[in-house]
Amino acid sequence: QVQLVESGGGLVQPGGSLTLSCAASGNIFGFNIMGWYRQAPGKERELVASVSSSGSTDYADSVKGRFTISRDNAENTVSLQMNSLKPEDTAVYYCCYSSYRNGVSWGQGTQVTVSS
């Protein structure tokens, strides 16, 4: 089982920046993918960005050029640098871990609010 602890959410003005962090603990071996999803009230949870243990990244079209995902395999952490934030980025952001051996794990979620 993998446990995920998120941090870094908060309130920021449009155009501002925020960094989310996620620390994974547990029996982590082999190929895996870590990423961030977000869910706004009344909407489906959607993928924001992901990064594999081999370094491959994927981004939602809506955040390309603004968000950057990175990971430290030695520390089993993943970060999401969010720049040029927009009100539509407001959501609860969830860290996610996925692998064959451990299945899928979710963090508790952290609120990001972009508002003036």
N, C-alpha and C. Protein backbone atom coordinates (compact mmCIF):
# COMPACT_ATOMS: atom_id res chain seq x y z
N GLN A 1 0.83 -1.18 0.00
CA GLN A 1 0.00 0.00 0.00
C GLN A 1 0.88 1.25 0.00
N VAL A 2 0.46 2.25 -0.74
CA VAL A 2 1.18 3.50 -0.85
C VAL A 2 0.35 4.62 -0.22
N GLN A 3 1.00 5.42 0.59
CA GLN A 3 0.35 6.56 1.20
C GLN A 3 0.89 7.85 0.57
N LEU A 4 0.00 8.81 0.37
CA LEU A 4 0.36 10.07 -0.26
C LEU A 4 -0.03 11.23 0.64
N VAL A 5 0.88 12.16 0.80
CA VAL A 5 0.64 13.35 1.61
C VAL A 5 0.90 14.57 0.76
N GLU A 6 -0.12 15.42 0.62
CA GLU A 6 -0.04 16.60 -0.21
C GLU A 6 0.13 17.86 0.62
N SER A 7 0.71 18.87 -0.01
CA SER A 7 0.86 20.17 0.63
C SER A 7 0.99 21.24 -0.43
N GLY A 8 0.77 22.49 -0.05
CA GLY A 8 1.02 23.60 -0.93
C GLY A 8 -0.20 24.33 -1.47
N GLY A 9 -1.39 23.83 -1.19
CA GLY A 9 -2.58 24.50 -1.67
C GLY A 9 -2.81 25.82 -0.95
N GLY A 10 -3.71 26.62 -1.51
CA GLY A 10 -4.01 27.90 -0.89
C GLY A 10 -4.74 28.83 -1.82
N LEU A 11 -4.80 30.08 -1.42
CA LEU A 11 -5.47 31.13 -2.18
C LEU A 11 -4.43 31.98 -2.90
N VAL A 12 -4.67 32.23 -4.18
CA VAL A 12 -3.76 33.04 -4.98
C VAL A 12 -4.55 33.88 -5.97
N GLN A 13 -4.05 35.05 -6.30
CA GLN A 13 -4.70 35.92 -7.27
C GLN A 13 -4.45 35.44 -8.69
N PRO A 14 -5.35 35.76 -9.61
CA PRO A 14 -5.11 35.42 -11.02
C PRO A 14 -3.76 35.93 -11.49
N GLY A 15 -3.05 35.09 -12.22
CA GLY A 15 -1.71 35.42 -12.68
C GLY A 15 -0.62 35.03 -11.72
N GLY A 16 -1.00 34.62 -10.53
CA GLY A 16 -0.03 34.23 -9.53
C GLY A 16 0.47 32.81 -9.71
N SER A 17 1.30 32.39 -8.77
CA SER A 17 1.92 31.07 -8.83
C SER A 17 1.73 30.33 -7.53
N LEU A 18 1.77 29.02 -7.64
CA LEU A 18 1.63 28.15 -6.48
C LEU A 18 2.31 26.83 -6.80
N THR A 19 2.90 26.21 -5.80
CA THR A 19 3.54 24.92 -5.98
C THR A 19 2.92 23.88 -5.05
N LEU A 20 2.49 22.78 -5.62
CA LEU A 20 1.97 21.66 -4.87
C LEU A 20 3.03 20.57 -4.75
N SER A 21 3.06 19.92 -3.61
CA SER A 21 4.00 18.83 -3.40
C SER A 21 3.27 17.60 -2.89
N CYS A 22 3.81 16.44 -3.23
CA CYS A 22 3.23 15.18 -2.81
C CYS A 22 4.34 14.22 -2.46
N ALA A 23 4.28 13.68 -1.27
CA ALA A 23 5.27 12.71 -0.81
C ALA A 23 4.63 11.33 -0.71
N ALA A 24 5.24 10.36 -1.35
CA ALA A 24 4.74 8.99 -1.34
C ALA A 24 5.58 8.12 -0.41
N SER A 25 4.91 7.26 0.30
CA SER A 25 5.61 6.32 1.17
C SER A 25 4.98 4.94 1.03
N GLY A 26 5.76 3.92 1.29
CA GLY A 26 5.28 2.56 1.17
C GLY A 26 6.23 1.71 0.34
N ASN A 27 5.71 0.60 -0.16
CA ASN A 27 6.51 -0.34 -0.94
C ASN A 27 6.48 0.06 -2.41
N ILE A 28 7.38 0.97 -2.76
CA ILE A 28 7.41 1.53 -4.11
C ILE A 28 8.59 0.92 -4.88
N PHE A 29 8.27 0.14 -5.91
CA PHE A 29 9.29 -0.48 -6.75
C PHE A 29 8.81 -0.52 -8.19
N GLY A 30 9.76 -0.55 -9.10
CA GLY A 30 9.46 -0.72 -10.51
C GLY A 30 8.78 0.48 -11.13
N PHE A 31 8.23 0.25 -12.31
CA PHE A 31 7.61 1.33 -13.06
C PHE A 31 6.34 1.82 -12.37
N ASN A 32 6.21 3.11 -12.29
CA ASN A 32 5.01 3.70 -11.72
C ASN A 32 4.78 5.08 -12.31
N ILE A 33 3.57 5.56 -12.11
CA ILE A 33 3.20 6.89 -12.58
C ILE A 33 2.63 7.67 -11.40
N MET A 34 3.08 8.88 -11.25
CA MET A 34 2.52 9.79 -10.27
C MET A 34 1.98 11.02 -10.99
N GLY A 35 0.93 11.56 -10.47
CA GLY A 35 0.35 12.71 -11.13
C GLY A 35 -0.59 13.48 -10.25
N TRP A 36 -1.15 14.52 -10.85
CA TRP A 36 -2.11 15.37 -10.18
C TRP A 36 -3.41 15.41 -10.96
N TYR A 37 -4.49 15.20 -10.26
CA TYR A 37 -5.83 15.39 -10.79
C TYR A 37 -6.47 16.56 -10.06
N ARG A 38 -7.52 17.09 -10.63
CA ARG A 38 -8.26 18.14 -9.94
C ARG A 38 -9.75 17.95 -10.17
N GLN A 39 -10.52 18.44 -9.22
CA GLN A 39 -11.96 18.34 -9.30
C GLN A 39 -12.60 19.61 -8.77
N ALA A 40 -13.33 20.28 -9.63
CA ALA A 40 -14.09 21.46 -9.25
C ALA A 40 -15.49 21.03 -8.83
N PRO A 41 -16.18 21.84 -8.03
CA PRO A 41 -17.53 21.48 -7.59
C PRO A 41 -18.46 21.19 -8.76
N GLY A 42 -19.14 20.05 -8.71
CA GLY A 42 -20.08 19.68 -9.74
C GLY A 42 -19.46 19.14 -11.01
N LYS A 43 -18.15 18.98 -11.04
CA LYS A 43 -17.48 18.50 -12.23
C LYS A 43 -16.73 17.20 -11.97
N GLU A 44 -16.39 16.51 -13.06
CA GLU A 44 -15.64 15.27 -12.96
C GLU A 44 -14.18 15.55 -12.63
N ARG A 45 -13.57 14.59 -11.96
CA ARG A 45 -12.15 14.69 -11.70
C ARG A 45 -11.38 14.53 -13.01
N GLU A 46 -10.41 15.38 -13.25
CA GLU A 46 -9.68 15.36 -14.50
C GLU A 46 -8.17 15.36 -14.26
N LEU A 47 -7.46 14.75 -15.19
CA LEU A 47 -6.00 14.73 -15.11
C LEU A 47 -5.44 16.10 -15.42
N VAL A 48 -4.52 16.55 -14.58
CA VAL A 48 -3.82 17.81 -14.80
C VAL A 48 -2.45 17.54 -15.41
N ALA A 49 -1.68 16.68 -14.77
CA ALA A 49 -0.35 16.34 -15.25
C ALA A 49 0.10 15.04 -14.60
N SER A 50 0.98 14.33 -15.28
CA SER A 50 1.53 13.10 -14.74
C SER A 50 2.98 12.96 -15.15
N VAL A 51 3.71 12.17 -14.38
CA VAL A 51 5.09 11.88 -14.69
C VAL A 51 5.40 10.45 -14.26
N SER A 52 6.04 9.70 -15.14
CA SER A 52 6.38 8.32 -14.83
C SER A 52 7.73 8.25 -14.14
N SER A 53 8.04 7.06 -13.62
CA SER A 53 9.33 6.85 -12.98
C SER A 53 10.48 6.94 -13.97
N SER A 54 10.19 6.82 -15.26
CA SER A 54 11.21 6.96 -16.29
C SER A 54 11.34 8.39 -16.78
N GLY A 55 10.48 9.29 -16.29
CA GLY A 55 10.60 10.69 -16.62
C GLY A 55 9.64 11.22 -17.66
N SER A 56 8.82 10.37 -18.24
CA SER A 56 7.87 10.83 -19.25
C SER A 56 6.75 11.64 -18.60
N THR A 57 6.38 12.74 -19.21
CA THR A 57 5.35 13.62 -18.67
C THR A 57 4.18 13.75 -19.61
N ASP A 58 3.05 14.11 -19.03
CA ASP A 58 1.84 14.35 -19.80
C ASP A 58 1.08 15.48 -19.13
N TYR A 59 0.49 16.36 -19.93
CA TYR A 59 -0.23 17.51 -19.41
C TYR A 59 -1.57 17.66 -20.09
N ALA A 60 -2.53 18.14 -19.33
CA ALA A 60 -3.78 18.55 -19.93
C ALA A 60 -3.53 19.77 -20.82
N ASP A 61 -4.26 19.86 -21.92
CA ASP A 61 -4.07 20.98 -22.83
C ASP A 61 -4.26 22.32 -22.14
N SER A 62 -5.16 22.37 -21.17
CA SER A 62 -5.48 23.62 -20.51
C SER A 62 -4.36 24.16 -19.64
N VAL A 63 -3.37 23.33 -19.31
CA VAL A 63 -2.31 23.78 -18.42
C VAL A 63 -0.94 23.77 -19.08
N LYS A 64 -0.85 23.31 -20.31
CA LYS A 64 0.43 23.27 -21.00
C LYS A 64 1.02 24.68 -21.11
N GLY A 65 2.30 24.78 -20.80
CA GLY A 65 2.97 26.06 -20.83
C GLY A 65 2.85 26.85 -19.55
N ARG A 66 1.96 26.43 -18.65
CA ARG A 66 1.77 27.12 -17.38
C ARG A 66 2.19 26.26 -16.19
N PHE A 67 1.92 24.97 -16.27
CA PHE A 67 2.23 24.06 -15.17
C PHE A 67 3.42 23.18 -15.54
N THR A 68 4.20 22.83 -14.54
CA THR A 68 5.32 21.92 -14.73
C THR A 68 5.33 20.88 -13.64
N ILE A 69 5.35 19.61 -14.03
CA ILE A 69 5.40 18.52 -13.07
C ILE A 69 6.80 17.95 -13.03
N SER A 70 7.25 17.59 -11.85
CA SER A 70 8.57 17.00 -11.69
C SER A 70 8.54 16.01 -10.54
N ARG A 71 9.53 15.12 -10.51
CA ARG A 71 9.59 14.14 -9.43
C ARG A 71 11.03 13.86 -9.05
N ASP A 72 11.18 13.43 -7.83
CA ASP A 72 12.46 13.01 -7.29
C ASP A 72 12.30 11.55 -6.92
N ASN A 73 12.83 10.66 -7.74
CA ASN A 73 12.64 9.23 -7.50
C ASN A 73 13.29 8.75 -6.21
N ALA A 74 14.40 9.36 -5.85
CA ALA A 74 15.08 8.96 -4.62
C ALA A 74 14.24 9.27 -3.39
N GLU A 75 13.50 10.37 -3.43
CA GLU A 75 12.68 10.78 -2.30
C GLU A 75 11.22 10.40 -2.48
N ASN A 76 10.86 9.88 -3.65
CA ASN A 76 9.48 9.52 -3.95
C ASN A 76 8.53 10.70 -3.75
N THR A 77 8.91 11.81 -4.31
CA THR A 77 8.08 13.00 -4.24
C THR A 77 7.78 13.51 -5.64
N VAL A 78 6.67 14.19 -5.77
CA VAL A 78 6.29 14.82 -7.03
C VAL A 78 5.79 16.22 -6.72
N SER A 79 6.14 17.16 -7.59
CA SER A 79 5.75 18.54 -7.41
C SER A 79 5.05 19.06 -8.65
N LEU A 80 4.17 20.00 -8.45
CA LEU A 80 3.48 20.66 -9.54
C LEU A 80 3.65 22.15 -9.38
N GLN A 81 4.45 22.75 -10.26
CA GLN A 81 4.65 24.19 -10.27
C GLN A 81 3.58 24.80 -11.16
N MET A 82 2.75 25.64 -10.58
CA MET A 82 1.64 26.25 -11.30
C MET A 82 1.89 27.74 -11.44
N ASN A 83 2.00 28.20 -12.67
CA ASN A 83 2.21 29.61 -12.96
C ASN A 83 1.03 30.16 -13.77
N SER A 84 0.94 31.47 -13.81
CA SER A 84 -0.12 32.15 -14.57
C SER A 84 -1.48 31.56 -14.27
N LEU A 85 -1.78 31.43 -13.00
CA LEU A 85 -3.01 30.78 -12.59
C LEU A 85 -4.24 31.57 -13.00
N LYS A 86 -5.28 30.84 -13.36
CA LYS A 86 -6.54 31.41 -13.79
C LYS A 86 -7.66 30.98 -12.84
N PRO A 87 -8.75 31.75 -12.79
CA PRO A 87 -9.87 31.33 -11.93
C PRO A 87 -10.37 29.93 -12.24
N GLU A 88 -10.32 29.51 -13.49
CA GLU A 88 -10.78 28.18 -13.85
C GLU A 88 -9.87 27.07 -13.35
N ASP A 89 -8.72 27.43 -12.79
CA ASP A 89 -7.85 26.44 -12.16
C ASP A 89 -8.31 26.10 -10.75
N THR A 90 -9.28 26.83 -10.25
CA THR A 90 -9.79 26.59 -8.90
C THR A 90 -10.39 25.20 -8.80
N ALA A 91 -9.90 24.42 -7.86
CA ALA A 91 -10.36 23.05 -7.68
C ALA A 91 -9.65 22.44 -6.49
N VAL A 92 -10.11 21.26 -6.11
CA VAL A 92 -9.35 20.44 -5.18
C VAL A 92 -8.39 19.60 -6.00
N TYR A 93 -7.13 19.66 -5.67
CA TYR A 93 -6.11 18.93 -6.40
C TYR A 93 -5.71 17.69 -5.62
N TYR A 94 -5.67 16.56 -6.33
CA TYR A 94 -5.37 15.27 -5.71
C TYR A 94 -4.12 14.66 -6.32
N CYS A 95 -3.22 14.23 -5.48
CA CYS A 95 -2.06 13.48 -5.92
C CYS A 95 -2.46 12.03 -6.15
N CYS A 96 -1.89 11.40 -7.15
CA CYS A 96 -2.22 10.02 -7.49
C CYS A 96 -0.96 9.23 -7.78
N TYR A 97 -0.97 7.99 -7.34
CA TYR A 97 0.12 7.05 -7.60
C TYR A 97 -0.47 5.79 -8.20
N SER A 98 0.19 5.24 -9.23
CA SER A 98 -0.32 4.03 -9.87
C SER A 98 0.83 3.12 -10.28
N SER A 99 0.70 1.85 -9.96
CA SER A 99 1.65 0.82 -10.38
C SER A 99 0.95 -0.53 -10.37
N TYR A 100 1.54 -1.50 -11.05
CA TYR A 100 0.95 -2.82 -11.11
C TYR A 100 0.89 -3.47 -9.73
N ARG A 101 1.97 -3.37 -8.97
CA ARG A 101 2.04 -4.05 -7.68
C ARG A 101 1.17 -3.39 -6.61
N ASN A 102 1.06 -2.08 -6.66
CA ASN A 102 0.39 -1.35 -5.59
C ASN A 102 -0.97 -0.80 -5.96
N GLY A 103 -1.35 -0.93 -7.21
CA GLY A 103 -2.63 -0.39 -7.63
C GLY A 103 -2.61 1.13 -7.65
N VAL A 104 -3.77 1.71 -7.36
CA VAL A 104 -3.93 3.16 -7.41
C VAL A 104 -4.15 3.70 -6.00
N SER A 105 -3.41 4.75 -5.68
CA SER A 105 -3.56 5.43 -4.39
C SER A 105 -3.80 6.90 -4.62
N TRP A 106 -4.59 7.50 -3.73
CA TRP A 106 -4.94 8.91 -3.82
C TRP A 106 -4.57 9.65 -2.55
N GLY A 107 -4.15 10.88 -2.71
CA GLY A 107 -3.97 11.75 -1.57
C GLY A 107 -5.30 12.28 -1.08
N GLN A 108 -5.28 13.02 0.00
CA GLN A 108 -6.51 13.52 0.60
C GLN A 108 -7.08 14.74 -0.13
N GLY A 109 -6.28 15.36 -0.96
CA GLY A 109 -6.70 16.53 -1.70
C GLY A 109 -6.29 17.82 -1.02
N THR A 110 -5.96 18.82 -1.82
CA THR A 110 -5.62 20.13 -1.29
C THR A 110 -6.30 21.19 -2.15
N GLN A 111 -6.90 22.17 -1.50
CA GLN A 111 -7.69 23.18 -2.20
C GLN A 111 -6.79 24.25 -2.81
N VAL A 112 -7.04 24.53 -4.08
CA VAL A 112 -6.41 25.65 -4.77
C VAL A 112 -7.51 26.60 -5.22
N THR A 113 -7.44 27.83 -4.76
CA THR A 113 -8.43 28.83 -5.12
C THR A 113 -7.74 30.01 -5.78
N VAL A 114 -8.17 30.33 -6.99
CA VAL A 114 -7.61 31.44 -7.75
C VAL A 114 -8.70 32.50 -7.86
N SER A 115 -8.52 33.59 -7.15
CA SER A 115 -9.55 34.62 -7.10
C SER A 115 -8.94 35.95 -6.68
N SER A 116 -9.53 37.02 -7.18
CA SER A 116 -9.13 38.36 -6.77
C SER A 116 -9.95 38.85 -5.59
